Amino acid sequence: MLESFGYDDNIVMARYLHDVVEDKKYTIEDIEREFGIDIDTLVMDDSELDKSLSWEVRKKHTIEEIKKLPLRNKLAIVSDKIDNLEDLFFKFKK
């Protein structure tokens, strides 16, 4: 989605990579080492790194942190939410 609107390669790459940190064995340090600080920052801003906290605590923290971010970082986060909603829509449709 971000690519179709003309956003830069780093923001597109970060969208692909954020689930790697949340759901796989890779760390944010791995992302920085392989892809650089810009992509690392975008991924970190779009990732919930402490899944041991309750859903409500994590979401409240995310909302507060998003307020402080530049637009570019917010776009990565919002596009993730849109993708998640599209997935849910197609699952319900089935």
PDB file of N, CA and C in Angstrom:
ATOM      1  N   MET A   1       0.823  -1.189   0.000  1.00  0.00           N
ATOM      2  CA  MET A   1       0.000   0.000   0.000  1.00  0.00           C
ATOM      3  C   MET A   1       0.870   1.258   0.000  1.00  0.00           C
ATOM      4  N   LEU A   2       1.870   1.283   0.889  1.00  0.00           N
ATOM      5  CA  LEU A   2       2.744   2.467   0.961  1.00  0.00           C
ATOM      6  C   LEU A   2       3.519   2.660  -0.339  1.00  0.00           C
ATOM      7  N   GLU A   3       3.950   1.576  -0.930  1.00  0.00           N
ATOM      8  CA  GLU A   3       4.682   1.658  -2.196  1.00  0.00           C
ATOM      9  C   GLU A   3       3.789   2.244  -3.295  1.00  0.00           C
ATOM     10  N   SER A   4       2.535   1.840  -3.329  1.00  0.00           N
ATOM     11  CA  SER A   4       1.628   2.338  -4.369  1.00  0.00           C
ATOM     12  C   SER A   4       1.373   3.842  -4.230  1.00  0.00           C
ATOM     13  N   PHE A   5       1.553   4.387  -3.024  1.00  0.00           N
ATOM     14  CA  PHE A   5       1.394   5.826  -2.804  1.00  0.00           C
ATOM     15  C   PHE A   5       2.709   6.587  -2.941  1.00  0.00           C
ATOM     16  N   GLY A   6       3.781   5.869  -3.328  1.00  0.00           N
ATOM     17  CA  GLY A   6       5.045   6.523  -3.623  1.00  0.00           C
ATOM     18  C   GLY A   6       5.981   6.739  -2.448  1.00  0.00           C
ATOM     19  N   TYR A   7       5.747   6.043  -1.335  1.00  0.00           N
ATOM     20  CA  TYR A   7       6.647   6.197  -0.191  1.00  0.00           C
ATOM     21  C   TYR A   7       7.962   5.472  -0.442  1.00  0.00           C
ATOM     22  N   ASP A   8       8.994   5.902   0.256  1.00  0.00           N
ATOM     23  CA  ASP A   8      10.351   5.415   0.001  1.00  0.00           C
ATOM     24  C   ASP A   8      10.520   3.936   0.371  1.00  0.00           C
ATOM     25  N   ASP A   9      11.585   3.356  -0.174  1.00  0.00           N
ATOM     26  CA  ASP A   9      11.857   1.926   0.012  1.00  0.00           C
ATOM     27  C   ASP A   9      12.024   1.536   1.474  1.00  0.00           C
ATOM     28  N   ASN A  10      12.607   2.408   2.282  1.00  0.00           N
ATOM     29  CA  ASN A  10      12.832   2.070   3.687  1.00  0.00           C
ATOM     30  C   ASN A  10      11.526   1.875   4.448  1.00  0.00           C
ATOM     31  N   ILE A  11      10.563   2.734   4.208  1.00  0.00           N
ATOM     32  CA  ILE A  11       9.291   2.590   4.919  1.00  0.00           C
ATOM     33  C   ILE A  11       8.563   1.324   4.446  1.00  0.00           C
ATOM     34  N   VAL A  12       8.675   1.009   3.170  1.00  0.00           N
ATOM     35  CA  VAL A  12       8.067  -0.215   2.633  1.00  0.00           C
ATOM     36  C   VAL A  12       8.755  -1.437   3.243  1.00  0.00           C
ATOM     37  N   MET A  13      10.065  -1.429   3.288  1.00  0.00           N
ATOM     38  CA  MET A  13      10.818  -2.550   3.860  1.00  0.00           C
ATOM     39  C   MET A  13      10.483  -2.727   5.345  1.00  0.00           C
ATOM     40  N   ALA A  14      10.376  -1.641   6.060  1.00  0.00           N
ATOM     41  CA  ALA A  14      10.052  -1.724   7.486  1.00  0.00           C
ATOM     42  C   ALA A  14       8.697  -2.381   7.700  1.00  0.00           C
ATOM     43  N   ARG A  15       7.757  -2.110   6.824  1.00  0.00           N
ATOM     44  CA  ARG A  15       6.431  -2.743   6.937  1.00  0.00           C
ATOM     45  C   ARG A  15       6.542  -4.259   6.806  1.00  0.00           C
ATOM     46  N   TYR A  16       7.388  -4.713   5.914  1.00  0.00           N
ATOM     47  CA  TYR A  16       7.578  -6.159   5.743  1.00  0.00           C
ATOM     48  C   TYR A  16       8.285  -6.773   6.954  1.00  0.00           C
ATOM     49  N   LEU A  17       9.156  -6.009   7.568  1.00  0.00           N
ATOM     50  CA  LEU A  17      10.016  -6.562   8.619  1.00  0.00           C
ATOM     51  C   LEU A  17       9.457  -6.482  10.027  1.00  0.00           C
ATOM     52  N   HIS A  18       8.459  -5.666  10.291  1.00  0.00           N
ATOM     53  CA  HIS A  18       8.057  -5.472  11.688  1.00  0.00           C
ATOM     54  C   HIS A  18       7.532  -6.757  12.329  1.00  0.00           C
ATOM     55  N   ASP A  19       6.863  -7.606  11.581  1.00  0.00           N
ATOM     56  CA  ASP A  19       6.383  -8.866  12.160  1.00  0.00           C
ATOM     57  C   ASP A  19       7.523  -9.828  12.463  1.00  0.00           C
ATOM     58  N   VAL A  20       8.637  -9.673  11.781  1.00  0.00           N
ATOM     59  CA  VAL A  20       9.801 -10.533  12.036  1.00  0.00           C
ATOM     60  C   VAL A  20      10.278 -10.358  13.474  1.00  0.00           C
ATOM     61  N   VAL A  21      10.272  -9.139  13.961  1.00  0.00           N
ATOM     62  CA  VAL A  21      10.707  -8.866  15.329  1.00  0.00           C
ATOM     63  C   VAL A  21       9.638  -9.324  16.325  1.00  0.00           C
ATOM     64  N   GLU A  22       8.378  -9.090  16.008  1.00  0.00           N
ATOM     65  CA  GLU A  22       7.307  -9.454  16.936  1.00  0.00           C
ATOM     66  C   GLU A  22       7.089 -10.959  17.026  1.00  0.00           C
ATOM     67  N   ASP A  23       7.216 -11.659  15.901  1.00  0.00           N
ATOM     68  CA  ASP A  23       6.759 -13.049  15.838  1.00  0.00           C
ATOM     69  C   ASP A  23       7.844 -14.085  15.581  1.00  0.00           C
ATOM     70  N   LYS A  24       9.057 -13.670  15.374  1.00  0.00           N
ATOM     71  CA  LYS A  24      10.137 -14.614  15.049  1.00  0.00           C
ATOM     72  C   LYS A  24      11.290 -14.448  16.024  1.00  0.00           C
ATOM     73  N   LYS A  25      12.367 -15.153  15.751  1.00  0.00           N
ATOM     74  CA  LYS A  25      13.512 -15.153  16.671  1.00  0.00           C
ATOM     75  C   LYS A  25      14.457 -13.963  16.479  1.00  0.00           C
ATOM     76  N   TYR A  26      14.185 -13.104  15.513  1.00  0.00           N
ATOM     77  CA  TYR A  26      15.090 -11.996  15.226  1.00  0.00           C
ATOM     78  C   TYR A  26      14.831 -10.822  16.164  1.00  0.00           C
ATOM     79  N   THR A  27      15.890 -10.070  16.425  1.00  0.00           N
ATOM     80  CA  THR A  27      15.790  -8.927  17.333  1.00  0.00           C
ATOM     81  C   THR A  27      15.861  -7.625  16.550  1.00  0.00           C
ATOM     82  N   ILE A  28      15.546  -6.556  17.239  1.00  0.00           N
ATOM     83  CA  ILE A  28      15.647  -5.236  16.640  1.00  0.00           C
ATOM     84  C   ILE A  28      17.106  -4.930  16.276  1.00  0.00           C
ATOM     85  N   GLU A  29      18.034  -5.478  17.055  1.00  0.00           N
ATOM     86  CA  GLU A  29      19.471  -5.304  16.743  1.00  0.00           C
ATOM     87  C   GLU A  29      19.826  -6.012  15.435  1.00  0.00           C
ATOM     88  N   ASP A  30      19.215  -7.163  15.177  1.00  0.00           N
ATOM     89  CA  ASP A  30      19.426  -7.854  13.899  1.00  0.00           C
ATOM     90  C   ASP A  30      18.961  -6.993  12.733  1.00  0.00           C
ATOM     91  N   ILE A  31      17.819  -6.345  12.910  1.00  0.00           N
ATOM     92  CA  ILE A  31      17.283  -5.487  11.850  1.00  0.00           C
ATOM     93  C   ILE A  31      18.235  -4.323  11.586  1.00  0.00           C
ATOM     94  N   GLU A  32      18.713  -3.687  12.650  1.00  0.00           N
ATOM     95  CA  GLU A  32      19.638  -2.554  12.465  1.00  0.00           C
ATOM     96  C   GLU A  32      20.918  -2.998  11.768  1.00  0.00           C
ATOM     97  N   ARG A  33      21.460  -4.134  12.187  1.00  0.00           N
ATOM     98  CA  ARG A  33      22.702  -4.632  11.599  1.00  0.00           C
ATOM     99  C   ARG A  33      22.531  -4.942  10.106  1.00  0.00           C
ATOM    100  N   GLU A  34      21.414  -5.526   9.749  1.00  0.00           N
ATOM    101  CA  GLU A  34      21.189  -5.938   8.361  1.00  0.00           C
ATOM    102  C   GLU A  34      20.671  -4.822   7.456  1.00  0.00           C
ATOM    103  N   PHE A  35      19.881  -3.895   8.018  1.00  0.00           N
ATOM    104  CA  PHE A  35      19.167  -2.934   7.177  1.00  0.00           C
ATOM    105  C   PHE A  35      19.421  -1.462   7.515  1.00  0.00           C
ATOM    106  N   GLY A  36      20.087  -1.180   8.628  1.00  0.00           N
ATOM    107  CA  GLY A  36      20.407   0.196   8.972  1.00  0.00           C
ATOM    108  C   GLY A  36      19.455   0.813   9.973  1.00  0.00           C
ATOM    109  N   ILE A  37      19.848   1.975  10.475  1.00  0.00           N
ATOM    110  CA  ILE A  37      19.146   2.635  11.571  1.00  0.00           C
ATOM    111  C   ILE A  37      17.762   3.154  11.169  1.00  0.00           C
ATOM    112  N   ASP A  38      17.602   3.627   9.946  1.00  0.00           N
ATOM    113  CA  ASP A  38      16.309   4.171   9.532  1.00  0.00           C
ATOM    114  C   ASP A  38      15.242   3.076   9.543  1.00  0.00           C
ATOM    115  N   ILE A  39      15.519   1.958   8.918  1.00  0.00           N
ATOM    116  CA  ILE A  39      14.567   0.849   8.897  1.00  0.00           C
ATOM    117  C   ILE A  39      14.376   0.304  10.305  1.00  0.00           C
ATOM    118  N   ASP A  40      15.458   0.216  11.063  1.00  0.00           N
ATOM    119  CA  ASP A  40      15.382  -0.242  12.449  1.00  0.00           C
ATOM    120  C   ASP A  40      14.407   0.616  13.259  1.00  0.00           C
ATOM    121  N   THR A  41      14.512   1.926  13.122  1.00  0.00           N
ATOM    122  CA  THR A  41      13.644   2.839  13.865  1.00  0.00           C
ATOM    123  C   THR A  41      12.187   2.672  13.446  1.00  0.00           C
ATOM    124  N   LEU A  42      11.944   2.565  12.157  1.00  0.00           N
ATOM    125  CA  LEU A  42      10.578   2.366  11.672  1.00  0.00           C
ATOM    126  C   LEU A  42       9.994   1.050  12.181  1.00  0.00           C
ATOM    127  N   VAL A  43      10.804  -0.006  12.173  1.00  0.00           N
ATOM    128  CA  VAL A  43      10.350  -1.304  12.665  1.00  0.00           C
ATOM    129  C   VAL A  43      10.072  -1.229  14.163  1.00  0.00           C
ATOM    130  N   MET A  44      10.982  -0.631  14.902  1.00  0.00           N
ATOM    131  CA  MET A  44      10.830  -0.545  16.351  1.00  0.00           C
ATOM    132  C   MET A  44       9.558   0.232  16.716  1.00  0.00           C
ATOM    133  N   ASP A  45       9.288   1.312  16.001  1.00  0.00           N
ATOM    134  CA  ASP A  45       8.098   2.111  16.291  1.00  0.00           C
ATOM    135  C   ASP A  45       6.807   1.358  15.990  1.00  0.00           C
ATOM    136  N   ASP A  46       6.877   0.356  15.104  1.00  0.00           N
ATOM    137  CA  ASP A  46       5.693  -0.405  14.699  1.00  0.00           C
ATOM    138  C   ASP A  46       5.645  -1.789  15.350  1.00  0.00           C
ATOM    139  N   SER A  47       6.429  -2.006  16.392  1.00  0.00           N
ATOM    140  CA  SER A  47       6.483  -3.323  17.020  1.00  0.00           C
ATOM    141  C   SER A  47       6.184  -3.229  18.504  1.00  0.00           C
ATOM    142  N   GLU A  48       5.481  -4.224  18.985  1.00  0.00           N
ATOM    143  CA  GLU A  48       5.258  -4.357  20.426  1.00  0.00           C
ATOM    144  C   GLU A  48       6.318  -5.322  20.934  1.00  0.00           C
ATOM    145  N   LEU A  49       7.336  -4.799  21.565  1.00  0.00           N
ATOM    146  CA  LEU A  49       8.473  -5.631  21.937  1.00  0.00           C
ATOM    147  C   LEU A  49       8.266  -6.398  23.241  1.00  0.00           C
ATOM    148  N   ASP A  50       7.308  -5.996  24.060  1.00  0.00           N
ATOM    149  CA  ASP A  50       7.079  -6.698  25.322  1.00  0.00           C
ATOM    150  C   ASP A  50       5.687  -7.316  25.332  1.00  0.00           C
ATOM    151  N   LYS A  51       5.583  -8.517  24.784  1.00  0.00           N
ATOM    152  CA  LYS A  51       4.301  -9.208  24.685  1.00  0.00           C
ATOM    153  C   LYS A  51       3.837  -9.772  26.032  1.00  0.00           C
ATOM    154  N   SER A  52       4.676  -9.662  27.061  1.00  0.00           N
ATOM    155  CA  SER A  52       4.278 -10.182  28.373  1.00  0.00           C
ATOM    156  C   SER A  52       3.265  -9.254  29.052  1.00  0.00           C
ATOM    157  N   LEU A  53       3.179  -8.012  28.596  1.00  0.00           N
ATOM    158  CA  LEU A  53       2.208  -7.066  29.163  1.00  0.00           C
ATOM    159  C   LEU A  53       0.810  -7.376  28.628  1.00  0.00           C
ATOM    160  N   SER A  54      -0.198  -6.949  29.340  1.00  0.00           N
ATOM    161  CA  SER A  54      -1.570  -7.181  28.902  1.00  0.00           C
ATOM    162  C   SER A  54      -1.854  -6.421  27.605  1.00  0.00           C
ATOM    163  N   TRP A  55      -2.864  -6.881  26.883  1.00  0.00           N
ATOM    164  CA  TRP A  55      -3.252  -6.245  25.628  1.00  0.00           C
ATOM    165  C   TRP A  55      -3.572  -4.774  25.876  1.00  0.00           C
ATOM    166  N   GLU A  56      -4.336  -4.492  26.935  1.00  0.00           N
ATOM    167  CA  GLU A  56      -4.742  -3.123  27.225  1.00  0.00           C
ATOM    168  C   GLU A  56      -3.542  -2.221  27.520  1.00  0.00           C
ATOM    169  N   VAL A  57      -2.600  -2.687  28.299  1.00  0.00           N
ATOM    170  CA  VAL A  57      -1.404  -1.909  28.619  1.00  0.00           C
ATOM    171  C   VAL A  57      -0.593  -1.646  27.353  1.00  0.00           C
ATOM    172  N   ARG A  58      -0.421  -2.684  26.522  1.00  0.00           N
ATOM    173  CA  ARG A  58       0.341  -2.524  25.273  1.00  0.00           C
ATOM    174  C   ARG A  58      -0.312  -1.504  24.355  1.00  0.00           C
ATOM    175  N   LYS A  59      -1.619  -1.558  24.211  1.00  0.00           N
ATOM    176  CA  LYS A  59      -2.315  -0.638  23.305  1.00  0.00           C
ATOM    177  C   LYS A  59      -2.286   0.794  23.835  1.00  0.00           C
ATOM    178  N   LYS A  60      -2.452   0.978  25.117  1.00  0.00           N
ATOM    179  CA  LYS A  60      -2.363   2.326  25.693  1.00  0.00           C
ATOM    180  C   LYS A  60      -0.964   2.903  25.484  1.00  0.00           C
ATOM    181  N   HIS A  61       0.047   2.086  25.691  1.00  0.00           N
ATOM    182  CA  HIS A  61       1.426   2.527  25.466  1.00  0.00           C
ATOM    183  C   HIS A  61       1.621   2.910  24.002  1.00  0.00           C
ATOM    184  N   THR A  62       1.122   2.087  23.095  1.00  0.00           N
ATOM    185  CA  THR A  62       1.257   2.367  21.666  1.00  0.00           C
ATOM    186  C   THR A  62       0.596   3.692  21.307  1.00  0.00           C
ATOM    187  N   ILE A  63      -0.589   3.922  21.797  1.00  0.00           N
ATOM    188  CA  ILE A  63      -1.309   5.169  21.503  1.00  0.00           C
ATOM    189  C   ILE A  63      -0.509   6.376  21.984  1.00  0.00           C
ATOM    190  N   GLU A  64       0.035   6.305  23.181  1.00  0.00           N
ATOM    191  CA  GLU A  64       0.820   7.419  23.717  1.00  0.00           C
ATOM    192  C   GLU A  64       2.102   7.639  22.912  1.00  0.00           C
ATOM    193  N   GLU A  65       2.758   6.571  22.515  1.00  0.00           N
ATOM    194  CA  GLU A  65       4.012   6.693  21.760  1.00  0.00           C
ATOM    195  C   GLU A  65       3.774   7.207  20.349  1.00  0.00           C
ATOM    196  N   ILE A  66       2.694   6.792  19.713  1.00  0.00           N
ATOM    197  CA  ILE A  66       2.398   7.224  18.346  1.00  0.00           C
ATOM    198  C   ILE A  66       2.245   8.743  18.277  1.00  0.00           C
ATOM    199  N   LYS A  67       1.699   9.334  19.300  1.00  0.00           N
ATOM    200  CA  LYS A  67       1.501  10.786  19.324  1.00  0.00           C
ATOM    201  C   LYS A  67       2.812  11.544  19.140  1.00  0.00           C
ATOM    202  N   LYS A  68       3.925  10.953  19.539  1.00  0.00           N
ATOM    203  CA  LYS A  68       5.226  11.625  19.514  1.00  0.00           C
ATOM    204  C   LYS A  68       5.987  11.419  18.202  1.00  0.00           C
ATOM    205  N   LEU A  69       5.500  10.537  17.349  1.00  0.00           N
ATOM    206  CA  LEU A  69       6.266  10.135  16.164  1.00  0.00           C
ATOM    207  C   LEU A  69       6.055  11.055  14.971  1.00  0.00           C
ATOM    208  N   PRO A  70       7.044  11.089  14.072  1.00  0.00           N
ATOM    209  CA  PRO A  70       6.870  11.824  12.816  1.00  0.00           C
ATOM    210  C   PRO A  70       5.820  11.133  11.933  1.00  0.00           C
ATOM    211  N   LEU A  71       5.261  11.866  11.003  1.00  0.00           N
ATOM    212  CA  LEU A  71       4.217  11.346  10.115  1.00  0.00           C
ATOM    213  C   LEU A  71       4.651  10.061   9.417  1.00  0.00           C
ATOM    214  N   ARG A  72       5.853  10.026   8.932  1.00  0.00           N
ATOM    215  CA  ARG A  72       6.368   8.860   8.199  1.00  0.00           C
ATOM    216  C   ARG A  72       6.250   7.588   9.041  1.00  0.00           C
ATOM    217  N   ASN A  73       6.595   7.664  10.295  1.00  0.00           N
ATOM    218  CA  ASN A  73       6.511   6.518  11.193  1.00  0.00           C
ATOM    219  C   ASN A  73       5.053   6.147  11.454  1.00  0.00           C
ATOM    220  N   LYS A  74       4.222   7.157  11.596  1.00  0.00           N
ATOM    221  CA  LYS A  74       2.790   6.903  11.795  1.00  0.00           C
ATOM    222  C   LYS A  74       2.187   6.184  10.593  1.00  0.00           C
ATOM    223  N   LEU A  75       2.633   6.547   9.395  1.00  0.00           N
ATOM    224  CA  LEU A  75       2.122   5.902   8.193  1.00  0.00           C
ATOM    225  C   LEU A  75       2.422   4.404   8.192  1.00  0.00           C
ATOM    226  N   ALA A  76       3.602   4.026   8.630  1.00  0.00           N
ATOM    227  CA  ALA A  76       3.953   2.608   8.699  1.00  0.00           C
ATOM    228  C   ALA A  76       3.023   1.883   9.666  1.00  0.00           C
ATOM    229  N   ILE A  77       2.751   2.493  10.795  1.00  0.00           N
ATOM    230  CA  ILE A  77       1.894   1.885  11.813  1.00  0.00           C
ATOM    231  C   ILE A  77       0.452   1.776  11.313  1.00  0.00           C
ATOM    232  N   VAL A  78      -0.060   2.850  10.724  1.00  0.00           N
ATOM    233  CA  VAL A  78      -1.433   2.850  10.239  1.00  0.00           C
ATOM    234  C   VAL A  78      -1.611   1.836   9.102  1.00  0.00           C
ATOM    235  N   SER A  79      -0.631   1.729   8.226  1.00  0.00           N
ATOM    236  CA  SER A  79      -0.756   0.761   7.135  1.00  0.00           C
ATOM    237  C   SER A  79      -0.786  -0.669   7.677  1.00  0.00           C
ATOM    238  N   ASP A  80      -0.082  -0.921   8.763  1.00  0.00           N
ATOM    239  CA  ASP A  80      -0.149  -2.231   9.420  1.00  0.00           C
ATOM    240  C   ASP A  80      -1.558  -2.486   9.943  1.00  0.00           C
ATOM    241  N   LYS A  81      -2.148  -1.493  10.568  1.00  0.00           N
ATOM    242  CA  LYS A  81      -3.509  -1.650  11.101  1.00  0.00           C
ATOM    243  C   LYS A  81      -4.502  -1.908   9.969  1.00  0.00           C
ATOM    244  N   ILE A  82      -4.336  -1.201   8.856  1.00  0.00           N
ATOM    245  CA  ILE A  82      -5.219  -1.404   7.705  1.00  0.00           C
ATOM    246  C   ILE A  82      -5.068  -2.826   7.171  1.00  0.00           C
ATOM    247  N   ASP A  83      -3.831  -3.308   7.047  1.00  0.00           N
ATOM    248  CA  ASP A  83      -3.607  -4.685   6.597  1.00  0.00           C
ATOM    249  C   ASP A  83      -4.271  -5.687   7.530  1.00  0.00           C
ATOM    250  N   ASN A  84      -4.151  -5.459   8.828  1.00  0.00           N
ATOM    251  CA  ASN A  84      -4.779  -6.358   9.806  1.00  0.00           C
ATOM    252  C   ASN A  84      -6.300  -6.356   9.659  1.00  0.00           C
ATOM    253  N   LEU A  85      -6.879  -5.183   9.456  1.00  0.00           N
ATOM    254  CA  LEU A  85      -8.328  -5.086   9.277  1.00  0.00           C
ATOM    255  C   LEU A  85      -8.774  -5.769   7.982  1.00  0.00           C
ATOM    256  N   GLU A  86      -7.984  -5.624   6.918  1.00  0.00           N
ATOM    257  CA  GLU A  86      -8.312  -6.306   5.658  1.00  0.00           C
ATOM    258  C   GLU A  86      -8.282  -7.817   5.847  1.00  0.00           C
ATOM    259  N   ASP A  87      -7.288  -8.320   6.564  1.00  0.00           N
ATOM    260  CA  ASP A  87      -7.218  -9.756   6.847  1.00  0.00           C
ATOM    261  C   ASP A  87      -8.460 -10.228   7.592  1.00  0.00           C
ATOM    262  N   LEU A  88      -8.864  -9.482   8.617  1.00  0.00           N
ATOM    263  CA  LEU A  88     -10.063  -9.833   9.374  1.00  0.00           C
ATOM    264  C   LEU A  88     -11.310  -9.812   8.484  1.00  0.00           C
ATOM    265  N   PHE A  89     -11.399  -8.814   7.628  1.00  0.00           N
ATOM    266  CA  PHE A  89     -12.534  -8.703   6.713  1.00  0.00           C
ATOM    267  C   PHE A  89     -12.645  -9.943   5.839  1.00  0.00           C
ATOM    268  N   PHE A  90     -11.529 -10.372   5.261  1.00  0.00           N
ATOM    269  CA  PHE A  90     -11.558 -11.544   4.389  1.00  0.00           C
ATOM    270  C   PHE A  90     -11.838 -12.829   5.149  1.00  0.00           C
ATOM    271  N   LYS A  91     -11.360 -12.922   6.390  1.00  0.00           N
ATOM    272  CA  LYS A  91     -11.659 -14.093   7.218  1.00  0.00           C
ATOM    273  C   LYS A  91     -13.148 -14.155   7.543  1.00  0.00           C
ATOM    274  N   PHE A  92     -13.750 -13.016   7.896  1.00  0.00           N
ATOM    275  CA  PHE A  92     -15.179 -12.982   8.201  1.00  0.00           C
ATOM    276  C   PHE A  92     -16.015 -13.258   6.960  1.00  0.00           C
ATOM    277  N   LYS A  93     -15.527 -12.794   5.822  1.00  0.00           N
ATOM    278  CA  LYS A  93     -16.251 -12.989   4.577  1.00  0.00           C
ATOM    279  C   LYS A  93     -16.332 -14.474   4.216  1.00  0.00           C
ATOM    280  N   LYS A  94     -15.251 -15.221   4.519  1.00  0.00           N
ATOM    281  CA  LYS A  94     -15.244 -16.669   4.260  1.00  0.00           C
ATOM    282  C   LYS A  94     -16.275 -17.363   5.124  1.00  0.00           C
TER     283      LYS A  94
END
